Amino acid sequence: MHAFDVLSDPVRRRILELLVDGEAPAGHISTVIEQEFGISQPAVSQHLRVLREQGFATVRPAGARRLYTVDPHGLQQASEWLSPFERFWRGPLAALGTELSRGKRARRMSTEDPAPEEVSLSEPQEKE
């Protein structure tokens, strides 16, 4: 199974999102997935098994619980496959970042108080 076959399923993508911040117990994962997708606990277990077998998740026992975490191996496979295509978005994203910075700077410059030499001394200043 190719890495993108694994990632093509929205349930498996959501499970990985739940694991991105660290370990999560199988029970918590099952509860969230059951609520969000309306599937049974055995179906969630099958998705977890696919993630484990394809190198996207690892599991370790902790007493009666099973704790899952992201395994970077599967994600590295997807990244390696995508790497030849990065040139299509890296340049445009860098250009977008430059334009966003310019816009922020222009807004900041237009809202700043005028420089002291620009303030007219002949007109009285209003006090607030």
N, C-alpha and C. Protein backbone atom coordinates (compact mmCIF):
# COMPACT_ATOMS: atom_id res chain seq x y z
N MET A 1 0.85 -1.18 0.00
CA MET A 1 0.00 0.00 0.00
C MET A 1 0.90 1.24 0.00
N HIS A 2 0.61 2.17 -0.88
CA HIS A 2 1.37 3.41 -1.00
C HIS A 2 0.98 4.37 0.14
N ALA A 3 1.90 5.23 0.51
CA ALA A 3 1.64 6.19 1.58
C ALA A 3 0.38 7.01 1.32
N PHE A 4 0.14 7.38 0.07
CA PHE A 4 -1.04 8.19 -0.24
C PHE A 4 -2.32 7.37 -0.21
N ASP A 5 -2.22 6.05 -0.37
CA ASP A 5 -3.39 5.20 -0.17
C ASP A 5 -3.82 5.26 1.30
N VAL A 6 -2.84 5.26 2.17
CA VAL A 6 -3.12 5.36 3.61
C VAL A 6 -3.73 6.73 3.92
N LEU A 7 -3.12 7.77 3.39
CA LEU A 7 -3.56 9.14 3.70
C LEU A 7 -4.84 9.55 2.97
N SER A 8 -5.26 8.78 1.99
CA SER A 8 -6.46 9.15 1.24
C SER A 8 -7.73 8.98 2.07
N ASP A 9 -7.66 8.22 3.12
CA ASP A 9 -8.85 7.99 3.94
C ASP A 9 -8.99 9.09 4.99
N PRO A 10 -10.14 9.77 5.05
CA PRO A 10 -10.31 10.87 6.01
C PRO A 10 -10.26 10.42 7.46
N VAL A 11 -10.66 9.20 7.75
CA VAL A 11 -10.60 8.70 9.13
C VAL A 11 -9.15 8.56 9.56
N ARG A 12 -8.33 7.99 8.70
CA ARG A 12 -6.91 7.83 9.06
C ARG A 12 -6.21 9.18 9.16
N ARG A 13 -6.55 10.11 8.29
CA ARG A 13 -5.96 11.46 8.40
C ARG A 13 -6.35 12.08 9.74
N ARG A 14 -7.61 11.93 10.14
CA ARG A 14 -8.07 12.51 11.42
C ARG A 14 -7.35 11.85 12.59
N ILE A 15 -7.14 10.55 12.53
CA ILE A 15 -6.40 9.87 13.60
C ILE A 15 -5.00 10.46 13.71
N LEU A 16 -4.34 10.66 12.58
CA LEU A 16 -3.00 11.27 12.62
C LEU A 16 -3.05 12.67 13.21
N GLU A 17 -4.10 13.43 12.89
CA GLU A 17 -4.25 14.76 13.49
C GLU A 17 -4.37 14.67 15.00
N LEU A 18 -5.06 13.65 15.49
CA LEU A 18 -5.20 13.46 16.94
C LEU A 18 -3.86 13.10 17.59
N LEU A 19 -2.97 12.51 16.81
CA LEU A 19 -1.68 12.07 17.35
C LEU A 19 -0.56 13.09 17.17
N VAL A 20 -0.81 14.14 16.43
CA VAL A 20 0.28 15.07 16.09
C VAL A 20 0.90 15.73 17.33
N ASP A 21 0.14 15.89 18.40
CA ASP A 21 0.68 16.53 19.60
C ASP A 21 1.29 15.55 20.59
N GLY A 22 1.27 14.28 20.27
CA GLY A 22 1.87 13.29 21.16
C GLY A 22 0.98 12.07 21.31
N GLU A 23 1.34 11.24 22.26
CA GLU A 23 0.62 9.99 22.47
C GLU A 23 -0.84 10.21 22.83
N ALA A 24 -1.66 9.27 22.38
CA ALA A 24 -3.08 9.28 22.74
C ALA A 24 -3.52 7.84 22.95
N PRO A 25 -4.33 7.62 23.98
CA PRO A 25 -4.82 6.26 24.21
C PRO A 25 -5.83 5.84 23.14
N ALA A 26 -5.83 4.55 22.84
CA ALA A 26 -6.74 4.02 21.83
C ALA A 26 -8.19 4.35 22.16
N GLY A 27 -8.54 4.33 23.42
CA GLY A 27 -9.91 4.63 23.83
C GLY A 27 -10.32 6.05 23.46
N HIS A 28 -9.44 7.00 23.67
CA HIS A 28 -9.72 8.40 23.32
C HIS A 28 -9.87 8.54 21.81
N ILE A 29 -8.96 7.92 21.07
CA ILE A 29 -9.03 7.99 19.61
C ILE A 29 -10.36 7.41 19.13
N SER A 30 -10.71 6.25 19.65
CA SER A 30 -11.96 5.60 19.24
C SER A 30 -13.17 6.47 19.55
N THR A 31 -13.19 7.07 20.72
CA THR A 31 -14.33 7.92 21.10
C THR A 31 -14.48 9.09 20.13
N VAL A 32 -13.38 9.78 19.85
CA VAL A 32 -13.43 10.94 18.96
C VAL A 32 -13.87 10.52 17.56
N ILE A 33 -13.27 9.46 17.05
CA ILE A 33 -13.57 9.01 15.68
C ILE A 33 -15.01 8.50 15.59
N GLU A 34 -15.46 7.77 16.60
CA GLU A 34 -16.84 7.30 16.60
C GLU A 34 -17.82 8.47 16.56
N GLN A 35 -17.55 9.51 17.34
CA GLN A 35 -18.43 10.68 17.37
C GLN A 35 -18.40 11.45 16.06
N GLU A 36 -17.22 11.64 15.50
CA GLU A 36 -17.08 12.46 14.30
C GLU A 36 -17.49 11.75 13.01
N PHE A 37 -17.26 10.44 12.95
CA PHE A 37 -17.51 9.72 11.70
C PHE A 37 -18.64 8.70 11.81
N GLY A 38 -19.10 8.45 13.03
CA GLY A 38 -20.19 7.50 13.20
C GLY A 38 -19.83 6.07 12.87
N ILE A 39 -18.58 5.70 13.10
CA ILE A 39 -18.18 4.32 12.84
C ILE A 39 -17.93 3.60 14.17
N SER A 40 -17.91 2.29 14.13
CA SER A 40 -17.79 1.49 15.34
C SER A 40 -16.34 1.42 15.84
N GLN A 41 -16.19 0.99 17.08
CA GLN A 41 -14.85 0.83 17.66
C GLN A 41 -14.03 -0.19 16.89
N PRO A 42 -14.61 -1.33 16.46
CA PRO A 42 -13.81 -2.26 15.65
C PRO A 42 -13.33 -1.65 14.33
N ALA A 43 -14.12 -0.78 13.73
CA ALA A 43 -13.70 -0.12 12.50
C ALA A 43 -12.54 0.83 12.78
N VAL A 44 -12.61 1.54 13.91
CA VAL A 44 -11.50 2.43 14.29
C VAL A 44 -10.24 1.59 14.52
N SER A 45 -10.39 0.45 15.14
CA SER A 45 -9.24 -0.44 15.37
C SER A 45 -8.61 -0.88 14.06
N GLN A 46 -9.42 -1.12 13.05
CA GLN A 46 -8.88 -1.50 11.73
C GLN A 46 -8.06 -0.35 11.13
N HIS A 47 -8.55 0.87 11.28
CA HIS A 47 -7.79 2.02 10.78
C HIS A 47 -6.47 2.17 11.54
N LEU A 48 -6.50 1.97 12.84
CA LEU A 48 -5.27 2.03 13.63
C LEU A 48 -4.29 0.95 13.19
N ARG A 49 -4.82 -0.24 12.89
CA ARG A 49 -3.96 -1.33 12.42
C ARG A 49 -3.29 -0.97 11.09
N VAL A 50 -4.04 -0.38 10.16
CA VAL A 50 -3.47 0.04 8.87
C VAL A 50 -2.37 1.06 9.12
N LEU A 51 -2.63 2.02 9.98
CA LEU A 51 -1.61 3.05 10.28
C LEU A 51 -0.35 2.41 10.86
N ARG A 52 -0.51 1.44 11.76
CA ARG A 52 0.65 0.75 12.34
C ARG A 52 1.40 -0.03 11.27
N GLU A 53 0.68 -0.83 10.51
CA GLU A 53 1.31 -1.72 9.53
C GLU A 53 1.99 -0.96 8.40
N GLN A 54 1.52 0.22 8.08
CA GLN A 54 2.09 1.01 6.99
C GLN A 54 3.12 2.03 7.48
N GLY A 55 3.45 2.00 8.77
CA GLY A 55 4.52 2.85 9.30
C GLY A 55 4.11 4.28 9.60
N PHE A 56 2.82 4.53 9.83
CA PHE A 56 2.36 5.88 10.16
C PHE A 56 2.13 6.07 11.66
N ALA A 57 2.00 4.98 12.40
CA ALA A 57 1.74 5.07 13.83
C ALA A 57 2.44 3.93 14.54
N THR A 58 2.79 4.18 15.77
CA THR A 58 3.33 3.14 16.63
C THR A 58 2.42 3.03 17.85
N VAL A 59 2.51 1.90 18.51
CA VAL A 59 1.69 1.67 19.70
C VAL A 59 2.58 1.07 20.78
N ARG A 60 2.29 1.45 22.01
CA ARG A 60 2.99 0.83 23.13
C ARG A 60 1.98 0.58 24.24
N PRO A 61 2.10 -0.57 24.87
CA PRO A 61 1.19 -0.86 25.98
C PRO A 61 1.59 -0.08 27.22
N ALA A 62 0.60 0.38 27.95
CA ALA A 62 0.82 1.06 29.24
C ALA A 62 -0.25 0.54 30.18
N GLY A 63 0.06 -0.55 30.87
CA GLY A 63 -0.95 -1.20 31.70
C GLY A 63 -2.02 -1.78 30.79
N ALA A 64 -3.27 -1.43 31.06
CA ALA A 64 -4.38 -1.94 30.25
C ALA A 64 -4.61 -1.08 28.99
N ARG A 65 -3.93 0.03 28.90
CA ARG A 65 -4.14 0.94 27.77
C ARG A 65 -3.10 0.70 26.68
N ARG A 66 -3.47 1.10 25.47
CA ARG A 66 -2.55 1.09 24.35
C ARG A 66 -2.41 2.53 23.88
N LEU A 67 -1.17 3.04 23.91
CA LEU A 67 -0.91 4.42 23.55
C LEU A 67 -0.33 4.49 22.13
N TYR A 68 -0.96 5.31 21.31
CA TYR A 68 -0.54 5.48 19.93
C TYR A 68 0.18 6.81 19.75
N THR A 69 1.12 6.82 18.83
CA THR A 69 1.83 8.04 18.48
C THR A 69 2.18 8.00 16.98
N VAL A 70 2.50 9.13 16.42
CA VAL A 70 2.89 9.20 15.01
C VAL A 70 4.25 8.55 14.82
N ASP A 71 4.36 7.75 13.79
CA ASP A 71 5.64 7.20 13.36
C ASP A 71 6.05 7.99 12.12
N PRO A 72 7.17 8.68 12.13
CA PRO A 72 7.53 9.53 11.00
C PRO A 72 7.85 8.76 9.71
N HIS A 73 8.06 7.47 9.79
CA HIS A 73 8.45 6.69 8.61
C HIS A 73 7.46 6.85 7.45
N GLY A 74 6.19 6.66 7.72
CA GLY A 74 5.19 6.76 6.66
C GLY A 74 5.10 8.16 6.09
N LEU A 75 5.20 9.15 6.96
CA LEU A 75 5.15 10.54 6.51
C LEU A 75 6.38 10.89 5.68
N GLN A 76 7.52 10.29 5.99
CA GLN A 76 8.72 10.51 5.20
C GLN A 76 8.55 9.96 3.79
N GLN A 77 7.86 8.81 3.68
CA GLN A 77 7.59 8.24 2.36
C GLN A 77 6.77 9.22 1.53
N ALA A 78 5.73 9.77 2.13
CA ALA A 78 4.88 10.72 1.41
C ALA A 78 5.68 11.96 1.02
N SER A 79 6.51 12.44 1.95
CA SER A 79 7.32 13.63 1.68
C SER A 79 8.31 13.38 0.55
N GLU A 80 8.93 12.22 0.55
CA GLU A 80 9.89 11.88 -0.50
C GLU A 80 9.21 11.83 -1.86
N TRP A 81 8.00 11.28 -1.91
CA TRP A 81 7.29 11.21 -3.17
C TRP A 81 6.92 12.61 -3.66
N LEU A 82 6.57 13.50 -2.74
CA LEU A 82 6.17 14.85 -3.09
C LEU A 82 7.35 15.76 -3.44
N SER A 83 8.54 15.44 -2.98
CA SER A 83 9.67 16.37 -3.11
C SER A 83 9.93 16.85 -4.54
N PRO A 84 9.80 16.04 -5.59
CA PRO A 84 10.02 16.59 -6.94
C PRO A 84 9.00 17.66 -7.34
N PHE A 85 7.86 17.68 -6.66
CA PHE A 85 6.80 18.62 -7.01
C PHE A 85 6.85 19.91 -6.19
N GLU A 86 7.72 19.96 -5.19
CA GLU A 86 7.78 21.13 -4.30
C GLU A 86 8.05 22.42 -5.05
N ARG A 87 8.76 22.35 -6.13
CA ARG A 87 9.09 23.57 -6.88
C ARG A 87 7.84 24.29 -7.36
N PHE A 88 6.73 23.57 -7.46
CA PHE A 88 5.50 24.19 -7.93
C PHE A 88 4.84 25.06 -6.87
N TRP A 89 5.16 24.84 -5.59
CA TRP A 89 4.55 25.68 -4.56
C TRP A 89 5.55 26.44 -3.71
N ARG A 90 6.78 26.02 -3.65
CA ARG A 90 7.76 26.74 -2.83
C ARG A 90 7.98 28.17 -3.31
N GLY A 91 8.23 28.37 -4.60
CA GLY A 91 8.44 29.71 -5.14
C GLY A 91 7.23 30.60 -4.95
N PRO A 92 6.04 30.14 -5.37
CA PRO A 92 4.85 30.97 -5.15
C PRO A 92 4.57 31.26 -3.69
N LEU A 93 4.84 30.32 -2.80
CA LEU A 93 4.61 30.57 -1.38
C LEU A 93 5.61 31.59 -0.84
N ALA A 94 6.85 31.52 -1.30
CA ALA A 94 7.83 32.51 -0.87
C ALA A 94 7.44 33.89 -1.36
N ALA A 95 6.96 33.98 -2.60
CA ALA A 95 6.51 35.26 -3.14
C ALA A 95 5.31 35.78 -2.36
N LEU A 96 4.41 34.89 -2.00
CA LEU A 96 3.25 35.28 -1.20
C LEU A 96 3.70 35.83 0.15
N GLY A 97 4.67 35.18 0.77
CA GLY A 97 5.19 35.65 2.05
C GLY A 97 5.78 37.04 1.94
N THR A 98 6.50 37.30 0.85
CA THR A 98 7.08 38.63 0.62
C THR A 98 5.98 39.67 0.48
N GLU A 99 4.95 39.35 -0.30
CA GLU A 99 3.86 40.31 -0.50
C GLU A 99 3.08 40.56 0.78
N LEU A 100 2.88 39.54 1.58
CA LEU A 100 2.20 39.73 2.86
C LEU A 100 3.01 40.64 3.78
N SER A 101 4.31 40.45 3.80
CA SER A 101 5.18 41.30 4.62
C SER A 101 5.13 42.75 4.14
N ARG A 102 5.14 42.95 2.84
CA ARG A 102 5.05 44.31 2.29
C ARG A 102 3.73 44.97 2.69
N GLY A 103 2.65 44.21 2.59
CA GLY A 103 1.34 44.75 2.96
C GLY A 103 1.27 45.12 4.43
N LYS A 104 1.82 44.28 5.30
CA LYS A 104 1.84 44.57 6.73
C LYS A 104 2.65 45.83 7.01
N ARG A 105 3.79 45.93 6.34
CA ARG A 105 4.65 47.11 6.54
C ARG A 105 3.93 48.37 6.07
N ALA A 106 3.28 48.31 4.93
CA ALA A 106 2.57 49.47 4.40
C ALA A 106 1.44 49.89 5.33
N ARG A 107 0.71 48.91 5.87
CA ARG A 107 -0.37 49.25 6.81
C ARG A 107 0.20 49.86 8.08
N ARG A 108 1.28 49.31 8.56
CA ARG A 108 1.90 49.84 9.79
C ARG A 108 2.38 51.26 9.57
N MET A 109 2.99 51.50 8.41
CA MET A 109 3.51 52.84 8.10
C MET A 109 2.37 53.85 7.97
N SER A 110 1.24 53.44 7.41
CA SER A 110 0.13 54.37 7.20
C SER A 110 -0.63 54.67 8.50
N THR A 111 -0.51 53.82 9.50
CA THR A 111 -1.24 54.05 10.75
C THR A 111 -0.37 54.66 11.85
N GLU A 112 0.93 54.74 11.62
CA GLU A 112 1.80 55.34 12.63
C GLU A 112 1.57 56.84 12.70
N ASP A 113 1.85 57.42 13.85
CA ASP A 113 1.75 58.88 14.01
C ASP A 113 2.73 59.55 13.07
N PRO A 114 2.40 60.72 12.57
CA PRO A 114 3.34 61.41 11.68
C PRO A 114 4.63 61.75 12.43
N ALA A 115 5.68 61.85 11.67
CA ALA A 115 6.98 62.20 12.25
C ALA A 115 6.89 63.60 12.85
N PRO A 116 7.70 63.91 13.88
CA PRO A 116 7.61 65.21 14.54
C PRO A 116 7.74 66.39 13.58
N GLU A 117 8.56 66.29 12.55
CA GLU A 117 8.71 67.42 11.64
C GLU A 117 7.47 67.62 10.77
N GLU A 118 6.60 66.64 10.71
CA GLU A 118 5.38 66.76 9.93
C GLU A 118 4.25 67.43 10.71
N VAL A 119 4.38 67.56 12.01
CA VAL A 119 3.34 68.17 12.83
C VAL A 119 3.43 69.68 12.70
N SER A 120 2.33 70.30 12.40
CA SER A 120 2.30 71.75 12.23
C SER A 120 2.24 72.40 13.61
N LEU A 121 3.15 73.33 13.85
CA LEU A 121 3.16 74.03 15.13
C LEU A 121 2.22 75.23 15.12
N SER A 122 1.79 75.66 13.96
CA SER A 122 0.93 76.83 13.89
C SER A 122 -0.51 76.50 14.23
N GLU A 123 -0.91 75.24 14.10
CA GLU A 123 -2.28 74.88 14.43
C GLU A 123 -2.31 74.30 15.83
N PRO A 124 -3.29 74.72 16.64
CA PRO A 124 -3.37 74.16 18.00
C PRO A 124 -3.76 72.69 17.93
N GLN A 125 -3.17 71.91 18.80
CA GLN A 125 -3.46 70.49 18.89
C GLN A 125 -4.67 70.28 19.79
N GLU A 126 -5.59 69.41 19.39
CA GLU A 126 -6.74 69.10 20.21
C GLU A 126 -6.34 68.13 21.29
N LYS A 127 -6.86 68.37 22.47
CA LYS A 127 -6.60 67.43 23.58
C LYS A 127 -7.79 66.51 23.72
N GLU A 128 -7.50 65.28 23.95
CA GLU A 128 -8.58 64.32 24.08
C GLU A 128 -8.90 64.04 25.52
